[in-house]
């Protein structure tokens, strides 16, 4: 693990916690599941570029779903 992957993992985990708390409070299951995924995926992805790409994609899912 590199320092950047640890920092990005912490960042995406924190954002995931925020999505999880918001989704639980508002009963919005897209945000809730996206938050869980954001908190869990850094444990399985080791490449920093893939970590950032997957994190940005998971963060954008609730915003894209809300526009429908």
PDB file of N, CA and C in Angstrom:
ATOM      1  N   UNK A   1       0.840  -1.184   0.000  1.00  0.00           N
ATOM      2  CA  UNK A   1       0.000   0.000   0.000  1.00  0.00           C
ATOM      3  C   UNK A   1       0.877   1.237   0.000  1.00  0.00           C
ATOM      4  N   UNK A   2       0.504   2.168  -0.813  1.00  0.00           N
ATOM      5  CA  UNK A   2       1.220   3.426  -0.857  1.00  0.00           C
ATOM      6  C   UNK A   2       0.475   4.462  -0.023  1.00  0.00           C
ATOM      7  N   UNK A   3       1.146   5.551   0.219  1.00  0.00           N
ATOM      8  CA  UNK A   3       0.534   6.620   1.008  1.00  0.00           C
ATOM      9  C   UNK A   3      -0.686   7.199   0.305  1.00  0.00           C
ATOM     10  N   UNK A   4      -0.599   7.333  -1.010  1.00  0.00           N
ATOM     11  CA  UNK A   4      -1.737   7.907  -1.733  1.00  0.00           C
ATOM     12  C   UNK A   4      -2.954   6.986  -1.695  1.00  0.00           C
ATOM     13  N   UNK A   5      -2.752   5.678  -1.761  1.00  0.00           N
ATOM     14  CA  UNK A   5      -3.905   4.784  -1.699  1.00  0.00           C
ATOM     15  C   UNK A   5      -4.538   4.800  -0.305  1.00  0.00           C
ATOM     16  N   UNK A   6      -3.732   4.973   0.726  1.00  0.00           N
ATOM     17  CA  UNK A   6      -4.273   5.072   2.079  1.00  0.00           C
ATOM     18  C   UNK A   6      -5.079   6.363   2.237  1.00  0.00           C
ATOM     19  N   UNK A   7      -4.554   7.459   1.720  1.00  0.00           N
ATOM     20  CA  UNK A   7      -5.250   8.750   1.828  1.00  0.00           C
ATOM     21  C   UNK A   7      -6.549   8.729   1.029  1.00  0.00           C
ATOM     22  N   UNK A   8      -6.502   8.200  -0.207  1.00  0.00           N
ATOM     23  CA  UNK A   8      -7.729   8.131  -1.007  1.00  0.00           C
ATOM     24  C   UNK A   8      -8.731   7.164  -0.395  1.00  0.00           C
ATOM     25  N   UNK A   9      -8.266   6.068   0.179  1.00  0.00           N
ATOM     26  CA  UNK A   9      -9.166   5.142   0.854  1.00  0.00           C
ATOM     27  C   UNK A   9      -9.864   5.786   2.032  1.00  0.00           C
ATOM     28  N   UNK A  10      -9.119   6.571   2.796  1.00  0.00           N
ATOM     29  CA  UNK A  10      -9.706   7.301   3.923  1.00  0.00           C
ATOM     30  C   UNK A  10     -10.701   8.350   3.434  1.00  0.00           C
ATOM     31  N   UNK A  11     -10.360   9.047   2.365  1.00  0.00           N
ATOM     32  CA  UNK A  11     -11.243  10.067   1.806  1.00  0.00           C
ATOM     33  C   UNK A  11     -12.551   9.457   1.322  1.00  0.00           C
ATOM     34  N   UNK A  12     -12.462   8.377   0.531  1.00  0.00           N
ATOM     35  CA  UNK A  12     -13.674   7.757   0.010  1.00  0.00           C
ATOM     36  C   UNK A  12     -14.473   7.083   1.116  1.00  0.00           C
ATOM     37  N   UNK A  13     -13.802   6.565   2.123  1.00  0.00           N
ATOM     38  CA  UNK A  13     -14.509   5.986   3.267  1.00  0.00           C
ATOM     39  C   UNK A  13     -15.293   7.030   4.041  1.00  0.00           C
ATOM     40  N   UNK A  14     -14.714   8.214   4.200  1.00  0.00           N
ATOM     41  CA  UNK A  14     -15.397   9.310   4.895  1.00  0.00           C
ATOM     42  C   UNK A  14     -16.599   9.805   4.100  1.00  0.00           C
ATOM     43  N   UNK A  15     -16.415   9.959   2.801  1.00  0.00           N
ATOM     44  CA  UNK A  15     -17.530  10.372   1.946  1.00  0.00           C
ATOM     45  C   UNK A  15     -18.616   9.295   1.953  1.00  0.00           C
ATOM     46  N   UNK A  16     -18.198   8.032   1.952  1.00  0.00           N
ATOM     47  CA  UNK A  16     -19.149   6.932   2.017  1.00  0.00           C
ATOM     48  C   UNK A  16     -19.941   6.934   3.306  1.00  0.00           C
ATOM     49  N   UNK A  17     -19.293   7.273   4.409  1.00  0.00           N
ATOM     50  CA  UNK A  17     -20.003   7.381   5.680  1.00  0.00           C
ATOM     51  C   UNK A  17     -21.064   8.477   5.618  1.00  0.00           C
ATOM     52  N   UNK A  18     -20.732   9.589   4.990  1.00  0.00           N
ATOM     53  CA  UNK A  18     -21.709  10.672   4.819  1.00  0.00           C
ATOM     54  C   UNK A  18     -22.885  10.243   3.961  1.00  0.00           C
ATOM     55  N   UNK A  19     -22.610   9.540   2.850  1.00  0.00           N
ATOM     56  CA  UNK A  19     -23.689   9.033   2.003  1.00  0.00           C
ATOM     57  C   UNK A  19     -24.549   8.030   2.766  1.00  0.00           C
ATOM     58  N   UNK A  20     -23.902   7.177   3.545  1.00  0.00           N
ATOM     59  CA  UNK A  20     -24.630   6.177   4.313  1.00  0.00           C
ATOM     60  C   UNK A  20     -25.553   6.831   5.327  1.00  0.00           C
ATOM     61  N   UNK A  21     -25.044   7.801   6.069  1.00  0.00           N
ATOM     62  CA  UNK A  21     -25.862   8.475   7.083  1.00  0.00           C
ATOM     63  C   UNK A  21     -27.024   9.237   6.443  1.00  0.00           C
ATOM     64  N   UNK A  22     -26.743   9.911   5.320  1.00  0.00           N
ATOM     65  CA  UNK A  22     -27.804  10.636   4.620  1.00  0.00           C
ATOM     66  C   UNK A  22     -28.859   9.673   4.089  1.00  0.00           C
ATOM     67  N   UNK A  23     -28.422   8.586   3.470  1.00  0.00           N
ATOM     68  CA  UNK A  23     -29.362   7.620   2.918  1.00  0.00           C
ATOM     69  C   UNK A  23     -30.194   6.944   3.980  1.00  0.00           C
ATOM     70  N   UNK A  24     -29.603   6.691   5.132  1.00  0.00           N
ATOM     71  CA  UNK A  24     -30.351   6.068   6.225  1.00  0.00           C
ATOM     72  C   UNK A  24     -31.391   7.032   6.789  1.00  0.00           C
ATOM     73  N   UNK A  25     -31.011   8.288   6.942  1.00  0.00           N
ATOM     74  CA  UNK A  25     -31.924   9.273   7.513  1.00  0.00           C
ATOM     75  C   UNK A  25     -33.082   9.584   6.557  1.00  0.00           C
ATOM     76  N   UNK A  26     -32.778   9.701   5.275  1.00  0.00           N
ATOM     77  CA  UNK A  26     -33.798  10.058   4.292  1.00  0.00           C
ATOM     78  C   UNK A  26     -34.498   8.835   3.692  1.00  0.00           C
ATOM     79  N   UNK A  27     -34.089   7.641   4.098  1.00  0.00           N
ATOM     80  CA  UNK A  27     -34.593   6.386   3.542  1.00  0.00           C
ATOM     81  C   UNK A  27     -34.424   6.355   2.022  1.00  0.00           C
ATOM     82  N   UNK A  28     -33.274   6.763   1.575  1.00  0.00           N
ATOM     83  CA  UNK A  28     -32.928   6.799   0.164  1.00  0.00           C
ATOM     84  C   UNK A  28     -31.897   5.692  -0.078  1.00  0.00           C
ATOM     85  N   UNK A  29     -32.343   4.616  -0.677  1.00  0.00           N
ATOM     86  CA  UNK A  29     -31.529   3.413  -0.737  1.00  0.00           C
ATOM     87  C   UNK A  29     -30.378   3.485  -1.725  1.00  0.00           C
ATOM     88  N   UNK A  30     -30.446   4.366  -2.707  1.00  0.00           N
ATOM     89  CA  UNK A  30     -29.332   4.520  -3.636  1.00  0.00           C
ATOM     90  C   UNK A  30     -28.138   5.148  -2.918  1.00  0.00           C
ATOM     91  N   UNK A  31     -28.382   6.187  -2.148  1.00  0.00           N
ATOM     92  CA  UNK A  31     -27.311   6.810  -1.378  1.00  0.00           C
ATOM     93  C   UNK A  31     -26.775   5.874  -0.303  1.00  0.00           C
ATOM     94  N   UNK A  32     -27.649   5.127   0.323  1.00  0.00           N
ATOM     95  CA  UNK A  32     -27.251   4.191   1.359  1.00  0.00           C
ATOM     96  C   UNK A  32     -26.339   3.108   0.792  1.00  0.00           C
ATOM     97  N   UNK A  33     -26.726   2.510  -0.327  1.00  0.00           N
ATOM     98  CA  UNK A  33     -25.904   1.445  -0.912  1.00  0.00           C
ATOM     99  C   UNK A  33     -24.623   1.997  -1.514  1.00  0.00           C
ATOM    100  N   UNK A  34     -24.671   3.185  -2.060  1.00  0.00           N
ATOM    101  CA  UNK A  34     -23.459   3.807  -2.573  1.00  0.00           C
ATOM    102  C   UNK A  34     -22.484   4.116  -1.435  1.00  0.00           C
ATOM    103  N   UNK A  35     -23.003   4.532  -0.312  1.00  0.00           N
ATOM    104  CA  UNK A  35     -22.157   4.785   0.852  1.00  0.00           C
ATOM    105  C   UNK A  35     -21.494   3.528   1.367  1.00  0.00           C
ATOM    106  N   UNK A  36     -22.237   2.435   1.403  1.00  0.00           N
ATOM    107  CA  UNK A  36     -21.658   1.164   1.839  1.00  0.00           C
ATOM    108  C   UNK A  36     -20.569   0.723   0.872  1.00  0.00           C
ATOM    109  N   UNK A  37     -20.838   0.881  -0.423  1.00  0.00           N
ATOM    110  CA  UNK A  37     -19.836   0.503  -1.422  1.00  0.00           C
ATOM    111  C   UNK A  37     -18.592   1.381  -1.324  1.00  0.00           C
ATOM    112  N   UNK A  38     -18.775   2.680  -1.076  1.00  0.00           N
ATOM    113  CA  UNK A  38     -17.629   3.578  -0.936  1.00  0.00           C
ATOM    114  C   UNK A  38     -16.790   3.249   0.292  1.00  0.00           C
ATOM    115  N   UNK A  39     -17.417   2.776   1.346  1.00  0.00           N
ATOM    116  CA  UNK A  39     -16.659   2.411   2.535  1.00  0.00           C
ATOM    117  C   UNK A  39     -15.943   1.077   2.376  1.00  0.00           C
ATOM    118  N   UNK A  40     -16.476   0.184   1.544  1.00  0.00           N
ATOM    119  CA  UNK A  40     -15.932  -1.170   1.453  1.00  0.00           C
ATOM    120  C   UNK A  40     -14.900  -1.360   0.343  1.00  0.00           C
ATOM    121  N   UNK A  41     -15.054  -0.691  -0.796  1.00  0.00           N
ATOM    122  CA  UNK A  41     -14.218  -1.020  -1.934  1.00  0.00           C
ATOM    123  C   UNK A  41     -12.733  -0.702  -1.757  1.00  0.00           C
ATOM    124  N   UNK A  42     -12.297   0.270  -0.961  1.00  0.00           N
ATOM    125  CA  UNK A  42     -10.848   0.485  -0.833  1.00  0.00           C
ATOM    126  C   UNK A  42     -10.093  -0.705  -0.236  1.00  0.00           C
ATOM    127  N   UNK A  43     -10.784  -1.599   0.443  1.00  0.00           N
ATOM    128  CA  UNK A  43     -10.129  -2.792   0.980  1.00  0.00           C
ATOM    129  C   UNK A  43      -9.739  -3.774  -0.116  1.00  0.00           C
ATOM    130  N   UNK A  44     -10.413  -3.714  -1.264  1.00  0.00           N
ATOM    131  CA  UNK A  44     -10.214  -4.689  -2.315  1.00  0.00           C
ATOM    132  C   UNK A  44      -9.431  -4.165  -3.515  1.00  0.00           C
ATOM    133  N   UNK A  45      -9.302  -2.863  -3.665  1.00  0.00           N
ATOM    134  CA  UNK A  45      -8.612  -2.267  -4.809  1.00  0.00           C
ATOM    135  C   UNK A  45      -7.260  -1.754  -4.341  1.00  0.00           C
ATOM    136  N   UNK A  46      -6.191  -2.183  -5.022  1.00  0.00           N
ATOM    137  CA  UNK A  46      -4.847  -1.775  -4.605  1.00  0.00           C
ATOM    138  C   UNK A  46      -4.245  -0.705  -5.497  1.00  0.00           C
ATOM    139  N   UNK A  47      -4.654  -0.623  -6.752  1.00  0.00           N
ATOM    140  CA  UNK A  47      -4.107   0.362  -7.679  1.00  0.00           C
ATOM    141  C   UNK A  47      -4.723   1.730  -7.401  1.00  0.00           C
ATOM    142  N   UNK A  48      -3.882   2.758  -7.308  1.00  0.00           N
ATOM    143  CA  UNK A  48      -4.363   4.091  -6.935  1.00  0.00           C
ATOM    144  C   UNK A  48      -5.263   4.695  -8.009  1.00  0.00           C
ATOM    145  N   UNK A  49      -4.915   4.519  -9.272  1.00  0.00           N
ATOM    146  CA  UNK A  49      -5.735   5.085 -10.350  1.00  0.00           C
ATOM    147  C   UNK A  49      -7.094   4.404 -10.392  1.00  0.00           C
ATOM    148  N   UNK A  50      -7.122   3.094 -10.227  1.00  0.00           N
ATOM    149  CA  UNK A  50      -8.399   2.377 -10.191  1.00  0.00           C
ATOM    150  C   UNK A  50      -9.206   2.782  -8.965  1.00  0.00           C
ATOM    151  N   UNK A  51      -8.524   3.010  -7.853  1.00  0.00           N
ATOM    152  CA  UNK A  51      -9.187   3.438  -6.626  1.00  0.00           C
ATOM    153  C   UNK A  51      -9.903   4.766  -6.834  1.00  0.00           C
ATOM    154  N   UNK A  52      -9.238   5.713  -7.461  1.00  0.00           N
ATOM    155  CA  UNK A  52      -9.834   7.027  -7.708  1.00  0.00           C
ATOM    156  C   UNK A  52     -10.968   6.920  -8.721  1.00  0.00           C
ATOM    157  N   UNK A  53     -10.771   6.127  -9.783  1.00  0.00           N
ATOM    158  CA  UNK A  53     -11.799   5.996 -10.818  1.00  0.00           C
ATOM    159  C   UNK A  53     -13.069   5.355 -10.261  1.00  0.00           C
ATOM    160  N   UNK A  54     -12.919   4.293  -9.505  1.00  0.00           N
ATOM    161  CA  UNK A  54     -14.087   3.621  -8.928  1.00  0.00           C
ATOM    162  C   UNK A  54     -14.751   4.512  -7.886  1.00  0.00           C
ATOM    163  N   UNK A  55     -13.960   5.216  -7.091  1.00  0.00           N
ATOM    164  CA  UNK A  55     -14.512   6.115  -6.086  1.00  0.00           C
ATOM    165  C   UNK A  55     -15.323   7.242  -6.698  1.00  0.00           C
ATOM    166  N   UNK A  56     -14.811   7.839  -7.754  1.00  0.00           N
ATOM    167  CA  UNK A  56     -15.548   8.925  -8.420  1.00  0.00           C
ATOM    168  C   UNK A  56     -16.826   8.380  -9.052  1.00  0.00           C
ATOM    169  N   UNK A  57     -16.747   7.196  -9.642  1.00  0.00           N
ATOM    170  CA  UNK A  57     -17.937   6.594 -10.245  1.00  0.00           C
ATOM    171  C   UNK A  57     -19.000   6.299  -9.187  1.00  0.00           C
ATOM    172  N   UNK A  58     -18.583   5.755  -8.048  1.00  0.00           N
ATOM    173  CA  UNK A  58     -19.544   5.455  -6.989  1.00  0.00           C
ATOM    174  C   UNK A  58     -20.131   6.722  -6.367  1.00  0.00           C
ATOM    175  N   UNK A  59     -19.331   7.786  -6.300  1.00  0.00           N
ATOM    176  CA  UNK A  59     -19.852   9.043  -5.760  1.00  0.00           C
ATOM    177  C   UNK A  59     -20.857   9.691  -6.711  1.00  0.00           C
ATOM    178  N   UNK A  60     -20.730   9.454  -8.004  1.00  0.00           N
ATOM    179  CA  UNK A  60     -21.619  10.097  -8.966  1.00  0.00           C
ATOM    180  C   UNK A  60     -22.950   9.368  -9.119  1.00  0.00           C
ATOM    181  N   UNK A  61     -23.033   8.119  -8.689  1.00  0.00           N
ATOM    182  CA  UNK A  61     -24.270   7.346  -8.865  1.00  0.00           C
ATOM    183  C   UNK A  61     -25.476   8.015  -8.197  1.00  0.00           C
ATOM    184  N   UNK A  62     -25.412   8.447  -6.932  1.00  0.00           N
ATOM    185  CA  UNK A  62     -26.616   9.090  -6.356  1.00  0.00           C
ATOM    186  C   UNK A  62     -27.022  10.376  -7.066  1.00  0.00           C
ATOM    187  N   UNK A  63     -26.062  11.111  -7.575  1.00  0.00           N
ATOM    188  CA  UNK A  63     -26.389  12.362  -8.273  1.00  0.00           C
ATOM    189  C   UNK A  63     -27.009  12.087  -9.636  1.00  0.00           C
ATOM    190  N   UNK A  64     -26.532  11.065 -10.327  1.00  0.00           N
ATOM    191  CA  UNK A  64     -27.114  10.714 -11.625  1.00  0.00           C
ATOM    192  C   UNK A  64     -28.490  10.098 -11.443  1.00  0.00           C
ATOM    193  N   UNK A  65     -28.678   9.337 -10.396  1.00  0.00           N
ATOM    194  CA  UNK A  65     -29.974   8.723 -10.140  1.00  0.00           C
ATOM    195  C   UNK A  65     -31.013   9.770  -9.739  1.00  0.00           C
ATOM    196  N   UNK A  66     -30.592  10.812  -9.047  1.00  0.00           N
ATOM    197  CA  UNK A  66     -31.521  11.844  -8.574  1.00  0.00           C
ATOM    198  C   UNK A  66     -32.049  12.696  -9.729  1.00  0.00           C
ATOM    199  N   UNK A  67     -31.316  12.782 -10.819  1.00  0.00           N
ATOM    200  CA  UNK A  67     -31.749  13.596 -11.949  1.00  0.00           C
ATOM    201  C   UNK A  67     -32.850  12.929 -12.761  1.00  0.00           C
ATOM    202  N   UNK A  68     -33.109  11.664 -12.541  1.00  0.00           N
ATOM    203  CA  UNK A  68     -34.138  10.950 -13.301  1.00  0.00           C
ATOM    204  C   UNK A  68     -35.481  11.316 -12.867  1.00  0.00           C
TER     205      UNK A  68
END
